[in-house]
C-alpha atoms as a PDB file:
ATOM      1  CA  MET A   1     -77.324  -4.679  -9.736  1.00  0.00           C
ATOM      2  CA  SER A   2     -80.181  -6.291  -9.807  1.00  0.00           C
ATOM      3  CA  ILE A   3     -80.977  -8.359 -13.439  1.00  0.00           C
ATOM      4  CA  ALA A   4     -84.590  -9.586 -15.008  1.00  0.00           C
ATOM      5  CA  PHE A   5     -84.895 -12.165 -17.495  1.00  0.00           C
ATOM      6  CA  VAL A   6     -87.300 -10.883 -20.308  1.00  0.00           C
ATOM      7  CA  PHE A   7     -88.129 -13.418 -23.110  1.00  0.00           C
ATOM      8  CA  PRO A   8     -89.408 -12.442 -26.593  1.00  0.00           C
ATOM      9  CA  GLY A   9     -92.684 -12.822 -28.522  1.00  0.00           C
ATOM     10  CA  GLN A  10     -93.927 -13.327 -31.955  1.00  0.00           C
ATOM     11  CA  GLY A  11     -92.239 -11.416 -34.788  1.00  0.00           C
ATOM     12  CA  ALA A  12     -88.641 -12.164 -33.398  1.00  0.00           C
ATOM     13  CA  GLN A  13     -88.609 -15.438 -35.143  1.00  0.00           C
ATOM     14  CA  THR A  14     -86.563 -15.882 -37.770  1.00  0.00           C
ATOM     15  CA  ILE A  15     -84.845 -19.118 -39.910  1.00  0.00           C
ATOM     16  CA  GLY A  16     -81.816 -20.670 -37.853  1.00  0.00           C
ATOM     17  CA  MET A  17     -82.817 -18.977 -34.389  1.00  0.00           C
ATOM     18  CA  GLY A  18     -81.141 -21.290 -31.738  1.00  0.00           C
ATOM     19  CA  LYS A  19     -79.496 -23.767 -33.863  1.00  0.00           C
ATOM     20  CA  ALA A  20     -75.440 -21.788 -32.575  1.00  0.00           C
ATOM     21  CA  LEU A  21     -77.182 -22.951 -28.945  1.00  0.00           C
ATOM     22  CA  ALA A  22     -77.635 -26.573 -29.768  1.00  0.00           C
ATOM     23  CA  GLU A  23     -74.779 -27.304 -31.659  1.00  0.00           C
ATOM     24  CA  ALA A  24     -72.534 -25.471 -28.826  1.00  0.00           C
ATOM     25  CA  TYR A  25     -74.470 -27.139 -25.588  1.00  0.00           C
ATOM     26  CA  PRO A  26     -75.875 -30.431 -25.685  1.00  0.00           C
ATOM     27  CA  ALA A  27     -78.597 -29.241 -23.068  1.00  0.00           C
ATOM     28  CA  ALA A  28     -80.132 -26.631 -25.051  1.00  0.00           C
ATOM     29  CA  LYS A  29     -80.244 -29.676 -28.370  1.00  0.00           C
ATOM     30  CA  ALA A  30     -82.079 -31.373 -25.413  1.00  0.00           C
ATOM     31  CA  VAL A  31     -84.977 -28.642 -25.550  1.00  0.00           C
ATOM     32  CA  PHE A  32     -85.526 -28.946 -29.302  1.00  0.00           C
ATOM     33  CA  ASN A  33     -85.925 -32.652 -29.258  1.00  0.00           C
ATOM     34  CA  GLU A  34     -87.863 -32.458 -26.097  1.00  0.00           C
ATOM     35  CA  VAL A  35     -90.231 -29.788 -28.160  1.00  0.00           C
ATOM     36  CA  ASP A  36     -90.209 -32.199 -31.213  1.00  0.00           C
ATOM     37  CA  GLU A  37     -91.420 -34.757 -29.027  1.00  0.00           C
ATOM     38  CA  ALA A  38     -94.019 -33.059 -27.280  1.00  0.00           C
ATOM     39  CA  LEU A  39     -94.947 -31.930 -30.634  1.00  0.00           C
ATOM     40  CA  GLY A  40     -94.742 -35.339 -32.107  1.00  0.00           C
ATOM     41  CA  GLU A  41     -93.221 -33.320 -35.027  1.00  0.00           C
ATOM     42  CA  SER A  42     -89.287 -32.278 -35.749  1.00  0.00           C
ATOM     43  CA  LEU A  43     -89.961 -27.960 -35.435  1.00  0.00           C
ATOM     44  CA  SER A  44     -86.547 -27.892 -34.947  1.00  0.00           C
ATOM     45  CA  HIS A  45     -86.397 -28.530 -38.617  1.00  0.00           C
ATOM     46  CA  LEU A  46     -88.575 -26.020 -39.346  1.00  0.00           C
ATOM     47  CA  ILE A  47     -86.986 -23.672 -37.463  1.00  0.00           C
ATOM     48  CA  TRP A  48     -83.563 -24.322 -38.556  1.00  0.00           C
ATOM     49  CA  GLU A  49     -84.234 -25.297 -42.019  1.00  0.00           C
ATOM     50  CA  GLY A  50     -87.510 -24.244 -43.414  1.00  0.00           C
ATOM     51  CA  ASP A  51     -88.942 -21.699 -44.933  1.00  0.00           C
ATOM     52  CA  ILE A  52     -90.171 -18.269 -42.511  1.00  0.00           C
ATOM     53  CA  GLU A  53     -93.873 -17.984 -44.160  1.00  0.00           C
ATOM     54  CA  THR A  54     -94.295 -21.594 -42.471  1.00  0.00           C
ATOM     55  CA  LEU A  55     -92.219 -20.923 -39.367  1.00  0.00           C
ATOM     56  CA  THR A  56     -94.179 -17.750 -39.111  1.00  0.00           C
ATOM     57  CA  LEU A  57     -97.631 -19.393 -38.681  1.00  0.00           C
ATOM     58  CA  THR A  58     -98.874 -18.489 -35.097  1.00  0.00           C
ATOM     59  CA  GLN A  59     -99.340 -21.656 -33.980  1.00  0.00           C
ATOM     60  CA  ASN A  60     -95.372 -22.589 -35.205  1.00  0.00           C
ATOM     61  CA  ALA A  61     -94.211 -19.370 -34.121  1.00  0.00           C
ATOM     62  CA  GLN A  62     -95.477 -19.508 -30.336  1.00  0.00           C
ATOM     63  CA  PRO A  63     -93.451 -23.085 -29.637  1.00  0.00           C
ATOM     64  CA  ALA A  64     -90.474 -22.175 -31.458  1.00  0.00           C
ATOM     65  CA  LEU A  65     -89.637 -18.873 -29.877  1.00  0.00           C
ATOM     66  CA  MET A  66     -90.097 -20.271 -26.334  1.00  0.00           C
ATOM     67  CA  ALA A  67     -87.946 -23.542 -27.510  1.00  0.00           C
ATOM     68  CA  THR A  68     -85.104 -20.996 -28.746  1.00  0.00           C
ATOM     69  CA  SER A  69     -85.585 -18.940 -25.171  1.00  0.00           C
ATOM     70  CA  MET A  70     -85.258 -22.389 -23.362  1.00  0.00           C
ATOM     71  CA  ALA A  71     -81.851 -23.220 -25.377  1.00  0.00           C
ATOM     72  CA  ALA A  72     -80.244 -20.506 -24.096  1.00  0.00           C
ATOM     73  CA  MET A  73     -81.533 -20.873 -20.808  1.00  0.00           C
ATOM     74  CA  ARG A  74     -80.133 -24.191 -20.676  1.00  0.00           C
ATOM     75  CA  ALA A  75     -76.627 -22.751 -22.630  1.00  0.00           C
ATOM     76  CA  LEU A  76     -76.795 -20.274 -19.449  1.00  0.00           C
ATOM     77  CA  GLU A  77     -77.081 -22.916 -16.530  1.00  0.00           C
ATOM     78  CA  ALA A  78     -74.319 -24.905 -18.515  1.00  0.00           C
ATOM     79  CA  GLU A  79     -71.991 -21.722 -17.805  1.00  0.00           C
ATOM     80  CA  GLY A  80     -73.264 -21.596 -14.003  1.00  0.00           C
ATOM     81  CA  VAL A  81     -76.056 -19.161 -14.661  1.00  0.00           C
ATOM     82  CA  SER A  82     -79.488 -20.046 -13.651  1.00  0.00           C
ATOM     83  CA  ILE A  83     -82.479 -18.723 -13.084  1.00  0.00           C
ATOM     84  CA  ASP A  84     -81.871 -17.318  -9.550  1.00  0.00           C
ATOM     85  CA  LYS A  85     -79.334 -14.723 -10.653  1.00  0.00           C
ATOM     86  CA  ALA A  86     -83.096 -13.263 -11.603  1.00  0.00           C
ATOM     87  CA  ALA A  87     -84.854 -11.112  -9.615  1.00  0.00           C
ATOM     88  CA  PHE A  88     -88.084 -10.819 -11.850  1.00  0.00           C
ATOM     89  CA  VAL A  89     -89.021 -12.691 -15.520  1.00  0.00           C
ATOM     90  CA  ALA A  90     -91.414 -11.187 -17.540  1.00  0.00           C
ATOM     91  CA  GLY A  91     -92.070 -11.971 -21.042  1.00  0.00           C
ATOM     92  CA  HIS A  92     -94.179 -10.151 -23.711  1.00  0.00           C
ATOM     93  CA  SER A  93     -96.993 -12.353 -24.663  1.00  0.00           C
ATOM     94  CA  LEU A  94     -96.061 -15.673 -25.420  1.00  0.00           C
ATOM     95  CA  GLY A  95     -93.041 -14.395 -24.130  1.00  0.00           C
ATOM     96  CA  GLU A  96     -94.633 -14.776 -20.623  1.00  0.00           C
ATOM     97  CA  TYR A  97     -94.947 -18.927 -20.928  1.00  0.00           C
ATOM     98  CA  SER A  98     -91.351 -18.908 -22.138  1.00  0.00           C
ATOM     99  CA  ALA A  99     -90.629 -17.165 -18.721  1.00  0.00           C
ATOM    100  CA  LEU A 100     -93.082 -19.163 -16.512  1.00  0.00           C
ATOM    101  CA  ALA A 101     -90.975 -22.595 -17.870  1.00  0.00           C
ATOM    102  CA  ALA A 102     -87.663 -20.682 -17.291  1.00  0.00           C
ATOM    103  CA  ALA A 103     -88.609 -20.216 -13.816  1.00  0.00           C
ATOM    104  CA  GLY A 104     -89.880 -23.785 -13.482  1.00  0.00           C
ATOM    105  CA  ALA A 105     -93.468 -23.194 -13.020  1.00  0.00           C
ATOM    106  CA  LEU A 106     -94.282 -25.034 -16.196  1.00  0.00           C
ATOM    107  CA  SER A 107     -92.477 -28.099 -18.151  1.00  0.00           C
ATOM    108  CA  ILE A 108     -90.910 -27.329 -21.431  1.00  0.00           C
ATOM    109  CA  ALA A 109     -93.561 -30.009 -22.708  1.00  0.00           C
ATOM    110  CA  ASP A 110     -96.499 -28.498 -21.411  1.00  0.00           C
ATOM    111  CA  THR A 111     -95.266 -25.251 -22.383  1.00  0.00           C
ATOM    112  CA  ALA A 112     -95.108 -26.574 -26.405  1.00  0.00           C
ATOM    113  CA  ARG A 113     -97.908 -28.044 -26.340  1.00  0.00           C
ATOM    114  CA  LEU A 114     -99.857 -24.606 -24.528  1.00  0.00           C
ATOM    115  CA  LEU A 115     -98.097 -23.019 -26.869  1.00  0.00           C
ATOM    116  CA  ARG A 116     -99.675 -25.033 -30.030  1.00  0.00           C
ATOM    117  CA  THR A 117    -102.583 -24.802 -28.773  1.00  0.00           C
ATOM    118  CA  ARG A 118    -102.894 -20.917 -28.052  1.00  0.00           C
ATOM    119  CA  GLY A 119    -101.674 -20.384 -31.736  1.00  0.00           C
ATOM    120  CA  GLN A 120    -104.083 -22.859 -33.072  1.00  0.00           C
ATOM    121  CA  ALA A 121    -106.934 -21.329 -31.037  1.00  0.00           C
ATOM    122  CA  MET A 122    -105.760 -17.433 -31.559  1.00  0.00           C
ATOM    123  CA  GLN A 123    -105.708 -18.018 -35.264  1.00  0.00           C
ATOM    124  CA  SER A 124    -108.967 -19.734 -35.693  1.00  0.00           C
ATOM    125  CA  ALA A 125    -110.706 -17.264 -33.046  1.00  0.00           C
ATOM    126  CA  VAL A 126    -111.492 -14.414 -35.864  1.00  0.00           C
ATOM    127  CA  PRO A 127    -111.707 -15.443 -39.920  1.00  0.00           C
ATOM    128  CA  VAL A 128    -108.841 -13.912 -41.594  1.00  0.00           C
ATOM    129  CA  GLY A 129    -109.390 -10.449 -43.058  1.00  0.00           C
ATOM    130  CA  VAL A 130    -111.732  -9.986 -40.719  1.00  0.00           C
ATOM    131  CA  GLY A 131    -109.495  -8.365 -38.217  1.00  0.00           C
ATOM    132  CA  ALA A 132    -106.252  -6.090 -37.815  1.00  0.00           C
ATOM    133  CA  MET A 133    -103.801  -4.317 -36.274  1.00  0.00           C
ATOM    134  CA  ALA A 134    -102.151  -1.092 -36.198  1.00  0.00           C
ATOM    135  CA  ALA A 135     -98.878   0.629 -34.628  1.00  0.00           C
ATOM    136  CA  LEU A 136     -99.288   4.068 -33.367  1.00  0.00           C
ATOM    137  CA  LEU A 137     -96.332   6.283 -32.855  1.00  0.00           C
ATOM    138  CA  GLY A 138     -95.717   9.065 -30.966  1.00  0.00           C
ATOM    139  CA  LEU A 139     -99.099   8.756 -28.817  1.00  0.00           C
ATOM    140  CA  ASP A 140     -99.293   7.481 -25.326  1.00  0.00           C
ATOM    141  CA  PHE A 141    -101.480   5.162 -23.990  1.00  0.00           C
ATOM    142  CA  GLU A 142    -104.112   7.010 -22.295  1.00  0.00           C
ATOM    143  CA  THR A 143    -104.332   8.953 -25.605  1.00  0.00           C
ATOM    144  CA  VAL A 144    -104.418   5.636 -27.380  1.00  0.00           C
ATOM    145  CA  LYS A 145    -107.340   3.903 -25.277  1.00  0.00           C
ATOM    146  CA  ALA A 146    -109.261   7.272 -25.701  1.00  0.00           C
ATOM    147  CA  VAL A 147    -108.628   6.917 -29.980  1.00  0.00           C
ATOM    148  CA  ALA A 148    -110.209   3.779 -29.997  1.00  0.00           C
ATOM    149  CA  ALA A 149    -113.380   4.239 -27.953  1.00  0.00           C
ATOM    150  CA  GLU A 150    -114.188   6.570 -30.506  1.00  0.00           C
ATOM    151  CA  ALA A 151    -113.527   4.630 -33.106  1.00  0.00           C
ATOM    152  CA  ALA A 152    -115.292   1.612 -32.289  1.00  0.00           C
ATOM    153  CA  ALA A 153    -118.813   1.874 -33.356  1.00  0.00           C
ATOM    154  CA  GLU A 154    -121.816  -0.127 -34.620  1.00  0.00           C
ATOM    155  CA  GLY A 155    -120.597  -3.324 -32.527  1.00  0.00           C
ATOM    156  CA  GLU A 156    -117.188  -2.906 -33.519  1.00  0.00           C
ATOM    157  CA  VAL A 157    -114.534  -4.290 -31.131  1.00  0.00           C
ATOM    158  CA  VAL A 158    -110.934  -1.704 -31.261  1.00  0.00           C
ATOM    159  CA  GLN A 159    -108.726  -1.943 -27.949  1.00  0.00           C
ATOM    160  CA  ALA A 160    -105.286  -0.557 -26.951  1.00  0.00           C
ATOM    161  CA  ALA A 161    -103.801  -4.170 -27.291  1.00  0.00           C
ATOM    162  CA  ASN A 162     -99.885  -3.541 -26.435  1.00  0.00           C
ATOM    163  CA  ASP A 163     -98.839  -0.481 -24.196  1.00  0.00           C
ATOM    164  CA  ASN A 164     -95.092  -1.181 -26.068  1.00  0.00           C
ATOM    165  CA  ASP A 165     -93.142   1.827 -25.266  1.00  0.00           C
ATOM    166  CA  PRO A 166     -94.132   5.492 -25.093  1.00  0.00           C
ATOM    167  CA  THR A 167     -93.461   6.187 -28.637  1.00  0.00           C
ATOM    168  CA  GLN A 168     -95.768   3.035 -29.557  1.00  0.00           C
ATOM    169  CA  VAL A 169     -99.222   1.491 -29.078  1.00  0.00           C
ATOM    170  CA  VAL A 170    -100.885  -0.776 -30.705  1.00  0.00           C
ATOM    171  CA  VAL A 171    -104.582  -1.515 -31.405  1.00  0.00           C
ATOM    172  CA  SER A 172    -106.077  -4.546 -32.201  1.00  0.00           C
ATOM    173  CA  GLY A 173    -110.015  -5.538 -33.307  1.00  0.00           C
ATOM    174  CA  HIS A 174    -112.235  -5.239 -36.332  1.00  0.00           C
ATOM    175  CA  LYS A 175    -110.373  -3.959 -39.760  1.00  0.00           C
ATOM    176  CA  ALA A 176    -112.382  -1.219 -40.498  1.00  0.00           C
ATOM    177  CA  ALA A 177    -112.386  -0.256 -36.562  1.00  0.00           C
ATOM    178  CA  VAL A 178    -108.270  -0.337 -36.557  1.00  0.00           C
ATOM    179  CA  GLU A 179    -108.408   1.830 -39.689  1.00  0.00           C
ATOM    180  CA  ARG A 180    -110.644   4.264 -38.123  1.00  0.00           C
ATOM    181  CA  ALA A 181    -108.347   4.473 -35.293  1.00  0.00           C
ATOM    182  CA  ALA A 182    -105.381   4.968 -37.314  1.00  0.00           C
ATOM    183  CA  GLU A 183    -106.760   7.784 -38.877  1.00  0.00           C
ATOM    184  CA  ILE A 184    -107.598   9.469 -35.561  1.00  0.00           C
ATOM    185  CA  ALA A 185    -104.716   8.710 -34.335  1.00  0.00           C
ATOM    186  CA  LYS A 186    -102.838  11.086 -36.846  1.00  0.00           C
ATOM    187  CA  GLU A 187    -105.434  13.974 -36.068  1.00  0.00           C
ATOM    188  CA  LYS A 188    -104.485  13.194 -32.425  1.00  0.00           C
ATOM    189  CA  GLY A 189    -100.925  14.053 -33.293  1.00  0.00           C
ATOM    190  CA  ALA A 190     -99.524  10.522 -34.100  1.00  0.00           C
ATOM    191  CA  LYS A 191     -96.501  10.123 -36.133  1.00  0.00           C
ATOM    192  CA  ARG A 192     -97.288   7.385 -37.814  1.00  0.00           C
ATOM    193  CA  ALA A 193     -99.862   4.545 -38.002  1.00  0.00           C
ATOM    194  CA  VAL A 194     -98.344   1.511 -39.302  1.00  0.00           C
ATOM    195  CA  MET A 195    -100.906  -1.852 -40.096  1.00  0.00           C
ATOM    196  CA  LEU A 196     -99.141  -4.477 -39.383  1.00  0.00           C
ATOM    197  CA  PRO A 197     -98.645  -7.723 -41.187  1.00  0.00           C
ATOM    198  CA  VAL A 198    -100.273  -9.787 -38.926  1.00  0.00           C
ATOM    199  CA  SER A 199    -103.265 -12.937 -39.101  1.00  0.00           C
ATOM    200  CA  ALA A 200    -105.421 -12.194 -36.192  1.00  0.00           C
ATOM    201  CA  PRO A 201    -106.351  -9.151 -34.144  1.00  0.00           C
ATOM    202  CA  PHE A 202    -104.459 -10.522 -30.828  1.00  0.00           C
ATOM    203  CA  HIS A 203    -104.865  -9.041 -27.563  1.00  0.00           C
ATOM    204  CA  CYS A 204    -108.958  -7.572 -27.856  1.00  0.00           C
ATOM    205  CA  ALA A 205    -112.243  -9.411 -26.703  1.00  0.00           C
ATOM    206  CA  LEU A 206    -112.437 -10.927 -30.622  1.00  0.00           C
ATOM    207  CA  MET A 207    -110.092 -12.891 -29.091  1.00  0.00           C
ATOM    208  CA  GLN A 208    -113.022 -14.595 -26.228  1.00  0.00           C
ATOM    209  CA  PRO A 209    -112.876 -17.881 -28.388  1.00  0.00           C
ATOM    210  CA  ALA A 210    -108.817 -18.342 -27.885  1.00  0.00           C
ATOM    211  CA  ALA A 211    -109.438 -16.977 -24.424  1.00  0.00           C
ATOM    212  CA  ASP A 212    -112.331 -19.976 -23.813  1.00  0.00           C
ATOM    213  CA  VAL A 213    -109.560 -22.793 -25.196  1.00  0.00           C
ATOM    214  CA  MET A 214    -106.621 -21.767 -23.353  1.00  0.00           C
ATOM    215  CA  ALA A 215    -108.769 -21.958 -20.164  1.00  0.00           C
ATOM    216  CA  GLU A 216    -109.467 -25.677 -20.718  1.00  0.00           C
ATOM    217  CA  ALA A 217    -106.472 -26.445 -21.580  1.00  0.00           C
ATOM    218  CA  LEU A 218    -104.397 -24.626 -18.785  1.00  0.00           C
ATOM    219  CA  ALA A 219    -106.567 -26.372 -16.687  1.00  0.00           C
ATOM    220  CA  GLY A 220    -105.548 -29.239 -16.926  1.00  0.00           C
ATOM    221  CA  VAL A 221    -101.726 -28.251 -17.060  1.00  0.00           C
ATOM    222  CA  GLU A 222     -99.823 -28.321 -13.559  1.00  0.00           C
ATOM    223  CA  ILE A 223     -98.211 -24.697 -12.825  1.00  0.00           C
ATOM    224  CA  LYS A 224     -95.894 -24.866  -9.757  1.00  0.00           C
ATOM    225  CA  ALA A 225     -95.028 -21.293  -7.872  1.00  0.00           C
ATOM    226  CA  PRO A 226     -92.261 -19.785 -10.053  1.00  0.00           C
ATOM    227  CA  ALA A 227     -88.755 -19.717  -8.541  1.00  0.00           C
ATOM    228  CA  VAL A 228     -88.982 -15.742  -9.217  1.00  0.00           C
ATOM    229  CA  PRO A 229     -91.718 -13.782  -9.304  1.00  0.00           C
ATOM    230  CA  LEU A 230     -93.497 -12.919 -12.410  1.00  0.00           C
ATOM    231  CA  ILE A 231     -94.012  -9.839 -13.454  1.00  0.00           C
ATOM    232  CA  ALA A 232     -97.627 -10.619 -15.932  1.00  0.00           C
ATOM    233  CA  ASN A 233     -98.748  -8.750 -18.844  1.00  0.00           C
ATOM    234  CA  VAL A 234    -102.216  -7.996 -17.809  1.00  0.00           C
ATOM    235  CA  ARG A 235    -101.449  -6.894 -14.231  1.00  0.00           C
ATOM    236  CA  ALA A 236     -97.796  -4.986 -14.317  1.00  0.00           C
ATOM    237  CA  ASP A 237     -96.909  -6.436 -11.082  1.00  0.00           C
ATOM    238  CA  ALA A 238     -95.687  -9.446  -9.628  1.00  0.00           C
ATOM    239  CA  VAL A 239     -97.219 -12.710  -9.429  1.00  0.00           C
ATOM    240  CA  THR A 240     -96.207 -16.109  -7.907  1.00  0.00           C
ATOM    241  CA  ASP A 241     -99.599 -17.981  -6.840  1.00  0.00           C
ATOM    242  CA  PRO A 242     -99.901 -20.624  -9.377  1.00  0.00           C
ATOM    243  CA  ASP A 243    -103.739 -20.493  -9.730  1.00  0.00           C
ATOM    244  CA  THR A 244    -103.511 -16.665 -10.038  1.00  0.00           C
ATOM    245  CA  ILE A 245    -101.044 -17.084 -12.943  1.00  0.00           C
ATOM    246  CA  ARG A 246    -103.102 -19.657 -14.530  1.00  0.00           C
ATOM    247  CA  ALA A 247    -106.143 -16.932 -14.369  1.00  0.00           C
ATOM    248  CA  LEU A 248    -104.267 -14.287 -15.962  1.00  0.00           C
ATOM    249  CA  LEU A 249    -102.485 -16.570 -18.993  1.00  0.00           C
ATOM    250  CA  VAL A 250    -106.109 -16.618 -19.925  1.00  0.00           C
ATOM    251  CA  GLU A 251    -106.845 -13.144 -19.253  1.00  0.00           C
ATOM    252  CA  GLN A 252    -103.502 -12.293 -21.307  1.00  0.00           C
ATOM    253  CA  VAL A 253    -105.590 -13.736 -24.266  1.00  0.00           C
ATOM    254  CA  THR A 254    -107.660 -10.735 -24.557  1.00  0.00           C
ATOM    255  CA  GLY A 255    -106.508  -8.269 -22.471  1.00  0.00           C
ATOM    256  CA  SER A 256    -103.579  -5.498 -22.799  1.00  0.00           C
ATOM    257  CA  VAL A 257     -99.674  -6.385 -22.927  1.00  0.00           C
ATOM    258  CA  ARG A 258     -98.571  -3.539 -20.329  1.00  0.00           C
ATOM    259  CA  TRP A 259     -94.799  -3.911 -21.422  1.00  0.00           C
ATOM    260  CA  ARG A 260     -94.163  -0.340 -20.563  1.00  0.00           C
ATOM    261  CA  GLU A 261     -95.884  -0.549 -17.405  1.00  0.00           C
ATOM    262  CA  SER A 262     -94.158  -3.907 -16.810  1.00  0.00           C
ATOM    263  CA  VAL A 263     -90.560  -3.038 -17.082  1.00  0.00           C
ATOM    264  CA  ALA A 264     -91.179   0.650 -15.774  1.00  0.00           C
ATOM    265  CA  ALA A 265     -92.645  -1.394 -12.521  1.00  0.00           C
ATOM    266  CA  MET A 266     -89.332  -3.735 -12.679  1.00  0.00           C
ATOM    267  CA  ALA A 267     -87.236  -0.948 -12.311  1.00  0.00           C
ATOM    268  CA  ALA A 268     -89.142   0.616  -9.479  1.00  0.00           C
ATOM    269  CA  LYS A 269     -88.140  -2.549  -7.800  1.00  0.00           C
ATOM    270  CA  GLY A 270     -84.460  -2.353  -8.060  1.00  0.00           C
ATOM    271  CA  VAL A 271     -83.942  -3.504 -11.847  1.00  0.00           C
ATOM    272  CA  THR A 272     -80.963  -1.794 -13.637  1.00  0.00           C
ATOM    273  CA  GLU A 273     -80.675  -4.531 -16.082  1.00  0.00           C
ATOM    274  CA  PHE A 274     -82.558  -6.775 -18.611  1.00  0.00           C
ATOM    275  CA  TRP A 275     -81.284  -9.905 -19.826  1.00  0.00           C
ATOM    276  CA  GLU A 276     -83.484 -10.681 -23.322  1.00  0.00           C
ATOM    277  CA  ILE A 277     -83.148 -14.396 -23.439  1.00  0.00           C
ATOM    278  CA  GLY A 278     -83.776 -15.656 -26.852  1.00  0.00           C
ATOM    279  CA  ALA A 279     -84.143 -14.257 -30.083  1.00  0.00           C
ATOM    280  CA  GLY A 280     -84.093 -10.906 -31.677  1.00  0.00           C
ATOM    281  CA  LYS A 281     -83.612  -7.567 -30.231  1.00  0.00           C
ATOM    282  CA  ALA A 282     -87.087  -6.029 -29.882  1.00  0.00           C
ATOM    283  CA  LEU A 283     -87.528  -5.997 -26.556  1.00  0.00           C
ATOM    284  CA  SER A 284     -84.499  -4.332 -25.375  1.00  0.00           C
ATOM    285  CA  GLY A 285     -85.482  -1.683 -27.936  1.00  0.00           C
ATOM    286  CA  MET A 286     -88.681  -1.383 -26.023  1.00  0.00           C
ATOM    287  CA  ILE A 287     -86.534  -1.007 -22.739  1.00  0.00           C
ATOM    288  CA  ARG A 288     -84.673   1.740 -24.238  1.00  0.00           C
ATOM    289  CA  LYS A 289     -87.098   4.153 -24.919  1.00  0.00           C
ATOM    290  CA  ILE A 290     -88.915   3.681 -21.635  1.00  0.00           C
ATOM    291  CA  ASP A 291     -85.928   4.515 -19.638  1.00  0.00           C
ATOM    292  CA  ARG A 292     -82.270   5.234 -21.164  1.00  0.00           C
ATOM    293  CA  ALA A 293     -80.919   4.337 -17.821  1.00  0.00           C
ATOM    294  CA  LEU A 294     -81.756   0.921 -18.129  1.00  0.00           C
ATOM    295  CA  VAL A 295     -78.896  -1.892 -19.350  1.00  0.00           C
ATOM    296  CA  SER A 296     -80.049  -4.442 -22.121  1.00  0.00           C
ATOM    297  CA  LYS A 297     -78.452  -7.433 -23.196  1.00  0.00           C
ATOM    298  CA  GLN A 298     -79.300 -10.074 -25.446  1.00  0.00           C
ATOM    299  CA  VAL A 299     -79.002 -13.688 -24.835  1.00  0.00           C
ATOM    300  CA  GLY A 300     -80.069 -15.295 -28.253  1.00  0.00           C
ATOM    301  CA  THR A 301     -76.184 -17.129 -29.313  1.00  0.00           C
ATOM    302  CA  ASP A 302     -73.389 -19.298 -28.054  1.00  0.00           C
ATOM    303  CA  ALA A 303     -71.419 -15.740 -28.365  1.00  0.00           C
ATOM    304  CA  ASP A 304     -74.300 -14.079 -26.523  1.00  0.00           C
ATOM    305  CA  VAL A 305     -74.062 -16.818 -23.448  1.00  0.00           C
ATOM    306  CA  LYS A 306     -70.363 -16.804 -23.168  1.00  0.00           C
ATOM    307  CA  ALA A 307     -70.531 -13.034 -23.716  1.00  0.00           C
ATOM    308  CA  VAL A 308     -72.899 -11.764 -20.690  1.00  0.00           C
ATOM    309  CA  THR A 309     -71.218 -15.038 -18.338  1.00  0.00           C
ATOM    310  CA  GLY A 310     -67.763 -14.093 -18.953  1.00  0.00           C
ATOM    311  CA  ALA A 311     -67.362 -17.953 -20.520  1.00  0.00           C
END
């Protein structure tokens, strides 16, 4: 049996996430302390005692989700399970940073600061209301790419942003173009087209200003070779070279999250079990739709940690 550790992206955040881990494991509490110190504020207080609207702001959600994932990793380590148990790591969008931190390629403090910068840059890249995202249900990735090409008009951008699973592809871009894509998708047999409650159009060309900011930010941070290979979002293949990882993290801001292909690539390399490290279970749901033979386990609470480690 081969295992992959996978890390969730935005949307998984909840008030109180990681608190049980911090109370049960001193090493998990130390992660939240380190993130608070790196950011110069008590993000942990917001995560555990704040309001969901503030936590959901991109600049807060991104480092908060990483902190929760890394707290779960430290809890696993306290029970004798190290990163070496995984054959690969991967993460959905911001989760890629969590995966790199878990694999020792980035320090927790650097990752927190990078994600705060990334969240601010992505939010400010496009004025609120100009962009949008929509989940198209029931069409495959190639069909959605064709839908996006048809919907783009008069200089407006719309791209297939997230290839989540065989039943769900997300498009991102100018609001009018995304709305056109939703209508075209229905004409082509989509079961539903759902506009997403997001504050910016992520993973499309409109994010180029944010990619430029991240190129500069990443240039000033040490990236080591990860302890286990990363399956990169934009390649859906394994990478270990630090300079390649740096370049792909920049590309990821405007590029598609190829999650379906990433999971399939890990399965093709012998992975049979996926541990979702951190908040929520969205990735596990996607993995089941990608290949029902694959096993998924959530590791987001102290009870989850004890269940998977037999502690």
